[in-house]
Amino acid sequence: MDVLQLLAQGMSDKQIGRHLGISDQTARKHRSHLLDKTGVGNVCALLFEAFTSDWLTPPPLQPLPEPERQARP
């Protein structure tokens, strides 16, 4: 699940490898196994499956900043 959580944070295989102390090839293999086990074709679909199946909890939404109001002449 560590690899899945790090993928959800937008990390690359290389970044995941460094973070977990494994090679980027090992991180790539873990990602590949996750894709194979879920039967999806890409990381975006994998993350969609993870969030909709409650394997991962999506981060809370951040409120959008208020637009700047310009004074009228």
Protein backbone atom coordinates (compact mmCIF):
# COMPACT_ATOMS: atom_id res chain seq x y z
CA MET A 1 0.00 0.00 0.00
CA ASP A 2 2.96 2.33 0.48
CA VAL A 3 3.59 2.46 -3.25
CA LEU A 4 -0.09 3.16 -3.94
CA GLN A 5 -0.15 6.02 -1.41
CA LEU A 6 2.99 7.53 -2.88
CA LEU A 7 1.59 7.25 -6.41
CA ALA A 8 -1.47 9.12 -5.16
CA GLN A 9 0.85 11.88 -3.98
CA GLY A 10 2.16 12.19 -7.54
CA MET A 11 5.57 10.60 -6.99
CA SER A 12 7.48 8.96 -9.83
CA ASP A 13 9.01 5.49 -9.62
CA LYS A 14 12.38 7.07 -8.93
CA GLN A 15 10.98 9.25 -6.13
CA ILE A 16 9.12 6.29 -4.63
CA GLY A 17 12.30 4.22 -4.71
CA ARG A 18 14.28 6.90 -2.92
CA HIS A 19 11.50 7.45 -0.37
CA LEU A 20 11.19 3.72 0.44
CA GLY A 21 14.88 2.88 0.12
CA ILE A 22 14.35 0.58 -2.87
CA SER A 23 15.49 0.82 -6.46
CA ASP A 24 13.34 2.62 -9.00
CA GLN A 25 13.09 -0.71 -10.88
CA THR A 26 11.59 -2.33 -7.77
CA ALA A 27 9.14 0.56 -7.39
CA ARG A 28 8.22 0.19 -11.07
CA LYS A 29 7.64 -3.55 -10.55
CA HIS A 30 5.36 -2.87 -7.56
CA ARG A 31 3.38 -0.37 -9.67
CA SER A 32 3.15 -2.91 -12.49
CA HIS A 33 1.83 -5.57 -10.10
CA LEU A 34 -0.80 -3.16 -8.79
CA LEU A 35 -1.94 -2.44 -12.35
CA ASP A 36 -2.05 -6.17 -13.18
CA LYS A 37 -3.96 -7.11 -10.02
CA THR A 38 -6.59 -4.43 -10.54
CA GLY A 39 -6.84 -4.98 -14.29
CA VAL A 40 -6.54 -1.29 -15.11
CA GLY A 41 -4.35 0.20 -17.79
CA ASN A 42 -2.74 3.23 -16.17
CA VAL A 43 -1.98 4.93 -12.87
CA CYS A 44 -4.90 7.35 -13.20
CA ALA A 45 -7.34 4.44 -13.44
CA LEU A 46 -5.51 2.68 -10.60
CA LEU A 47 -5.94 5.69 -8.33
CA PHE A 48 -9.60 6.05 -9.33
CA GLU A 49 -10.11 2.40 -8.37
CA ALA A 50 -8.22 2.92 -5.10
CA PHE A 51 -10.32 5.92 -4.09
CA THR A 52 -13.70 4.51 -5.16
CA SER A 53 -12.96 1.15 -3.47
CA ASP A 54 -11.88 2.87 -0.23
CA TRP A 55 -8.34 1.49 -0.40
CA LEU A 56 -7.18 5.09 -0.06
CA THR A 57 -8.89 8.12 1.40
CA PRO A 58 -8.69 11.19 -0.83
CA PRO A 59 -7.13 14.25 0.77
CA PRO A 60 -9.58 16.90 1.95
CA LEU A 61 -10.50 19.53 -0.60
CA GLN A 62 -8.90 22.91 -0.11
CA PRO A 63 -11.18 25.93 -0.50
CA LEU A 64 -10.53 28.06 -3.55
CA PRO A 65 -9.19 31.54 -2.89
CA GLU A 66 -11.67 34.36 -3.20
CA PRO A 67 -11.31 36.26 -6.47
CA GLU A 68 -9.92 39.76 -6.16
CA ARG A 69 -12.58 42.39 -6.46
CA GLN A 70 -11.74 45.47 -8.43
CA ALA A 71 -13.10 48.83 -7.40
CA ARG A 72 -15.47 50.32 -9.92
CA PRO A 73 -14.74 53.86 -11.13
